[in-house]
């Protein structure tokens, strides 16, 4: 599937919590090699000027640079809501790199993410009940545009869609969105919340949060893939780094 989307800019997002415990690292197979935190790409995927179109083909070109296969969307993609699309794309970025998927969308977290989308800012988090949390916001015009910005134009020397990342030099805000999306999770025990308002996307991922009452799950969505994405074997790795804005 290939649709075109206009370019927009997004502000930097923040992540706020300490992650504790053991996390997994993707296998080194060529199909899921990728680049995983704490490593990040040297520079943005594409420095093309003008008004580029955000297409699946464009994402595939960026994924190929990391030796990650093409993005295969489910057959019901166009029928999914924007928050559901955000979960699917997030999980494909994770699973295709050998990480466990985000489990599903929580109504409570969806409401918080919607607050972020409404205010065009990072989504707030619950006051308690989770081990780690990360949130991102984008002013993109589509799920694909938001994913491109978060994953492939979050560093320096590209389209500079991350306004908190300098065009030259390094900053702790460079690749922060990508690091949140590719956060290594323990056994897939994650719950995501995705909010959307026209031209404004917010998404958050929590570890250790209740799975009660999920409205949309990755496991049930798998039936809509011609070839089901699979989680590659994980190797043990301990990562107690703090992610902060």
Protein backbone atom coordinates (compact mmCIF):
# COMPACT_ATOMS: atom_id res chain seq x y z
CA UNK A 1 0.00 0.00 0.00
CA UNK A 2 1.36 3.41 -0.88
CA UNK A 3 -0.25 6.71 0.04
CA UNK A 4 1.30 10.14 -0.03
CA UNK A 5 1.33 12.57 2.87
CA UNK A 6 2.54 16.18 3.05
CA UNK A 7 5.51 17.14 5.21
CA UNK A 8 4.97 18.84 8.55
CA UNK A 9 7.21 19.66 11.50
CA UNK A 10 6.90 18.38 15.01
CA UNK A 11 8.19 19.55 18.35
CA UNK A 12 10.35 17.36 20.53
CA UNK A 13 8.64 15.03 22.95
CA UNK A 14 9.69 14.08 26.45
CA UNK A 15 9.97 10.82 28.30
CA UNK A 16 10.06 10.83 32.04
CA UNK A 17 10.63 7.76 34.13
CA UNK A 18 13.22 5.31 35.33
CA UNK A 19 13.16 1.86 33.77
CA UNK A 20 14.05 -0.96 36.12
CA UNK A 21 14.62 -4.61 35.38
CA UNK A 22 15.86 -6.81 32.57
CA UNK A 23 15.19 -5.99 28.93
CA UNK A 24 15.69 -7.86 25.68
CA UNK A 25 17.90 -7.19 22.67
CA UNK A 26 17.04 -8.23 19.12
CA UNK A 27 18.81 -11.14 17.51
CA UNK A 28 21.56 -10.30 15.05
CA UNK A 29 19.83 -11.88 12.04
CA UNK A 30 19.93 -9.74 8.90
CA UNK A 31 16.13 -9.50 8.67
CA UNK A 32 15.84 -7.87 12.08
CA UNK A 33 19.26 -6.34 12.63
CA UNK A 34 18.16 -2.74 12.88
CA UNK A 35 19.68 -0.18 15.21
CA UNK A 36 18.48 -0.40 18.80
CA UNK A 37 18.94 1.86 21.82
CA UNK A 38 21.30 2.86 23.26
CA UNK A 39 22.70 2.97 19.69
CA UNK A 40 21.10 5.34 17.18
CA UNK A 41 21.68 6.22 13.51
CA UNK A 42 24.57 8.58 12.81
CA UNK A 43 22.26 11.03 11.07
CA UNK A 44 18.72 11.31 9.77
CA UNK A 45 17.70 8.96 6.99
CA UNK A 46 17.12 11.58 4.33
CA UNK A 47 18.28 15.16 3.87
CA UNK A 48 15.96 15.78 0.91
CA UNK A 49 14.78 19.36 0.68
CA UNK A 50 11.46 20.77 -0.41
CA UNK A 51 8.18 19.10 0.51
CA UNK A 52 8.78 15.33 0.42
CA UNK A 53 5.90 12.87 0.29
CA UNK A 54 5.68 10.47 3.21
CA UNK A 55 5.00 7.09 1.64
CA UNK A 56 5.44 3.48 2.67
CA UNK A 57 8.14 3.29 0.00
CA UNK A 58 9.97 6.13 1.71
CA UNK A 59 9.81 4.33 5.06
CA UNK A 60 11.03 1.14 3.40
CA UNK A 61 14.08 2.97 2.07
CA UNK A 62 14.97 4.13 5.56
CA UNK A 63 14.37 0.69 7.05
CA UNK A 64 16.59 -0.89 4.40
CA UNK A 65 19.48 1.28 5.56
CA UNK A 66 19.21 -0.55 8.89
CA UNK A 67 18.81 -3.96 7.21
CA UNK A 68 15.19 -4.07 8.34
CA UNK A 69 12.63 -5.51 5.89
CA UNK A 70 9.75 -3.72 4.21
CA UNK A 71 6.83 -2.41 6.26
CA UNK A 72 3.92 -4.80 5.62
CA UNK A 73 0.65 -3.25 6.76
CA UNK A 74 -2.44 -5.32 7.69
CA UNK A 75 -5.31 -5.67 5.22
CA UNK A 76 -7.65 -3.62 7.45
CA UNK A 77 -5.25 -0.66 7.72
CA UNK A 78 -7.61 1.90 6.17
CA UNK A 79 -10.42 0.85 8.54
CA UNK A 80 -8.33 1.37 11.68
CA UNK A 81 -8.63 4.51 13.76
CA UNK A 82 -5.55 6.73 14.02
CA UNK A 83 -4.70 5.49 17.56
CA UNK A 84 -5.02 1.90 16.31
CA UNK A 85 -2.77 2.70 13.36
CA UNK A 86 -0.23 4.20 15.76
CA UNK A 87 -0.17 0.99 17.79
CA UNK A 88 0.22 -1.16 14.66
CA UNK A 89 3.06 0.91 13.21
CA UNK A 90 4.79 1.12 16.59
CA UNK A 91 4.57 -2.65 16.97
CA UNK A 92 5.84 -3.27 13.45
CA UNK A 93 8.84 -1.03 14.12
CA UNK A 94 9.47 -3.03 17.29
CA UNK A 95 8.72 -6.58 16.12
CA UNK A 96 10.64 -6.18 12.88
CA UNK A 97 13.69 -5.36 15.02
CA UNK A 98 13.19 -8.35 17.30
CA UNK A 99 11.48 -6.55 20.18
CA UNK A 100 8.30 -7.65 21.92
CA UNK A 101 5.17 -5.80 20.74
CA UNK A 102 3.16 -3.31 22.75
CA UNK A 103 0.18 -5.33 24.00
CA UNK A 104 -2.73 -3.02 23.20
CA UNK A 105 -4.64 0.20 23.75
CA UNK A 106 -5.95 1.05 27.21
CA UNK A 107 -9.02 3.33 27.51
CA UNK A 108 -7.47 5.14 30.49
CA UNK A 109 -4.22 5.75 28.63
CA UNK A 110 -6.08 6.69 25.45
CA UNK A 111 -7.75 9.51 27.35
CA UNK A 112 -4.39 10.79 28.57
CA UNK A 113 -2.89 10.53 25.09
CA UNK A 114 -5.90 12.40 23.71
CA UNK A 115 -5.11 15.23 26.14
CA UNK A 116 -1.64 15.45 24.63
CA UNK A 117 -3.03 15.46 21.09
CA UNK A 118 -5.56 18.14 22.03
CA UNK A 119 -2.92 20.39 23.60
CA UNK A 120 -0.35 19.53 20.90
CA UNK A 121 2.13 18.44 23.53
CA UNK A 122 3.50 15.38 25.26
CA UNK A 123 0.75 13.25 26.82
CA UNK A 124 0.50 13.18 30.63
CA UNK A 125 1.00 9.91 32.50
CA UNK A 126 -1.03 8.23 35.27
CA UNK A 127 0.02 9.27 38.75
CA UNK A 128 0.99 5.71 39.69
CA UNK A 129 0.71 2.04 38.76
CA UNK A 130 3.51 1.65 36.22
CA UNK A 131 7.23 0.90 36.17
CA UNK A 132 8.31 3.03 33.20
CA UNK A 133 6.65 5.45 30.82
CA UNK A 134 7.54 7.29 27.64
CA UNK A 135 5.49 9.69 25.49
CA UNK A 136 5.82 11.28 22.05
CA UNK A 137 3.89 13.95 20.16
CA UNK A 138 3.86 14.86 16.47
CA UNK A 139 2.23 17.51 14.34
CA UNK A 140 2.28 15.16 11.35
CA UNK A 141 -0.64 14.90 8.95
CA UNK A 142 -0.75 11.10 9.02
CA UNK A 143 0.34 8.09 11.03
CA UNK A 144 3.01 7.36 8.43
CA UNK A 145 4.34 10.93 8.60
CA UNK A 146 4.45 10.77 12.40
CA UNK A 147 6.29 7.44 12.31
CA UNK A 148 8.79 8.79 9.79
CA UNK A 149 9.53 11.79 11.99
CA UNK A 150 9.84 9.80 15.21
CA UNK A 151 11.90 6.96 13.77
CA UNK A 152 13.90 8.34 10.85
CA UNK A 153 14.16 12.11 11.15
CA UNK A 154 14.66 12.47 14.90
CA UNK A 155 18.38 13.28 14.73
CA UNK A 156 20.61 15.87 13.07
CA UNK A 157 21.31 16.72 9.42
CA UNK A 158 18.01 15.72 7.85
CA UNK A 159 14.66 17.43 7.47
CA UNK A 160 15.11 18.64 11.06
CA UNK A 161 11.59 17.68 12.10
CA UNK A 162 12.76 17.36 15.70
CA UNK A 163 13.07 21.02 16.63
CA UNK A 164 14.93 20.24 19.87
CA UNK A 165 17.71 18.45 17.98
CA UNK A 166 20.34 20.82 16.53
CA UNK A 167 21.26 20.54 12.85
CA UNK A 168 24.87 19.99 13.90
CA UNK A 169 26.34 18.57 17.06
CA UNK A 170 24.65 16.37 19.61
CA UNK A 171 21.83 16.84 22.10
CA UNK A 172 20.09 14.60 24.61
CA UNK A 173 16.87 15.35 22.71
CA UNK A 174 18.17 13.84 19.47
CA UNK A 175 16.62 10.41 18.81
CA UNK A 176 14.57 10.60 22.00
CA UNK A 177 11.29 9.80 20.21
CA UNK A 178 12.91 6.81 18.53
CA UNK A 179 14.42 5.61 21.82
CA UNK A 180 10.97 5.68 23.43
CA UNK A 181 9.34 3.71 20.60
CA UNK A 182 12.14 1.13 20.62
CA UNK A 183 12.35 0.90 24.37
CA UNK A 184 13.27 -2.65 25.29
CA UNK A 185 10.35 -4.27 27.12
CA UNK A 186 10.27 -7.32 29.40
CA UNK A 187 8.11 -10.04 27.91
CA UNK A 188 5.84 -7.64 26.07
CA UNK A 189 4.28 -6.46 29.33
CA UNK A 190 3.50 -3.06 27.89
CA UNK A 191 0.28 -1.18 27.33
CA UNK A 192 0.06 1.73 24.90
CA UNK A 193 -2.25 4.69 24.56
CA UNK A 194 -2.66 6.64 21.34
CA UNK A 195 -4.45 9.95 20.94
CA UNK A 196 -5.29 11.81 17.75
CA UNK A 197 -6.68 15.18 16.75
CA UNK A 198 -6.48 16.52 13.21
CA UNK A 199 -2.81 17.22 12.55
CA UNK A 200 -1.79 16.20 16.06
CA UNK A 201 -0.66 12.76 17.23
CA UNK A 202 0.29 11.66 20.74
CA UNK A 203 1.34 8.20 21.86
CA UNK A 204 2.57 6.81 25.15
CA UNK A 205 3.99 3.47 26.24
CA UNK A 206 3.96 2.19 29.81
CA UNK A 207 5.56 -0.83 31.40
CA UNK A 208 3.92 -2.63 34.32
CA UNK A 209 0.50 -1.03 33.75
CA UNK A 210 -2.81 -2.90 34.05
CA UNK A 211 -4.00 -4.71 30.92
CA UNK A 212 -7.62 -4.66 32.05
CA UNK A 213 -10.21 -3.61 29.47
CA UNK A 214 -7.95 -3.22 26.44
CA UNK A 215 -9.96 -1.91 23.49
CA UNK A 216 -7.54 -3.02 20.75
CA UNK A 217 -4.77 -5.60 20.91
CA UNK A 218 -1.83 -6.58 18.74
CA UNK A 219 -2.67 -10.27 19.21
CA UNK A 220 -6.13 -9.87 17.65
CA UNK A 221 -4.82 -7.63 14.87
CA UNK A 222 -2.42 -10.34 13.69
CA UNK A 223 -5.25 -12.06 11.76
CA UNK A 224 -5.19 -9.19 9.25
CA UNK A 225 -1.59 -9.75 8.14
CA UNK A 226 -1.01 -11.88 5.05
CA UNK A 227 2.29 -12.94 6.57
CA UNK A 228 2.19 -12.60 10.33
CA UNK A 229 5.03 -10.54 11.81
CA UNK A 230 6.90 -12.55 14.40
CA UNK A 231 8.99 -11.63 17.40
CA UNK A 232 12.54 -12.83 16.92
CA UNK A 233 14.34 -14.65 19.76
CA UNK A 234 15.65 -12.21 22.34
CA UNK A 235 18.93 -12.21 24.16
CA UNK A 236 19.21 -11.01 27.76
CA UNK A 237 20.39 -7.47 28.35
CA UNK A 238 20.15 -5.19 31.33
CA UNK A 239 19.35 -1.55 30.77
CA UNK A 240 18.65 0.67 33.76
CA UNK A 241 19.23 3.95 31.97
CA UNK A 242 17.06 6.94 32.81
CA UNK A 243 15.31 8.62 29.90
CA UNK A 244 14.54 12.25 30.59
CA UNK A 245 13.75 15.35 28.61
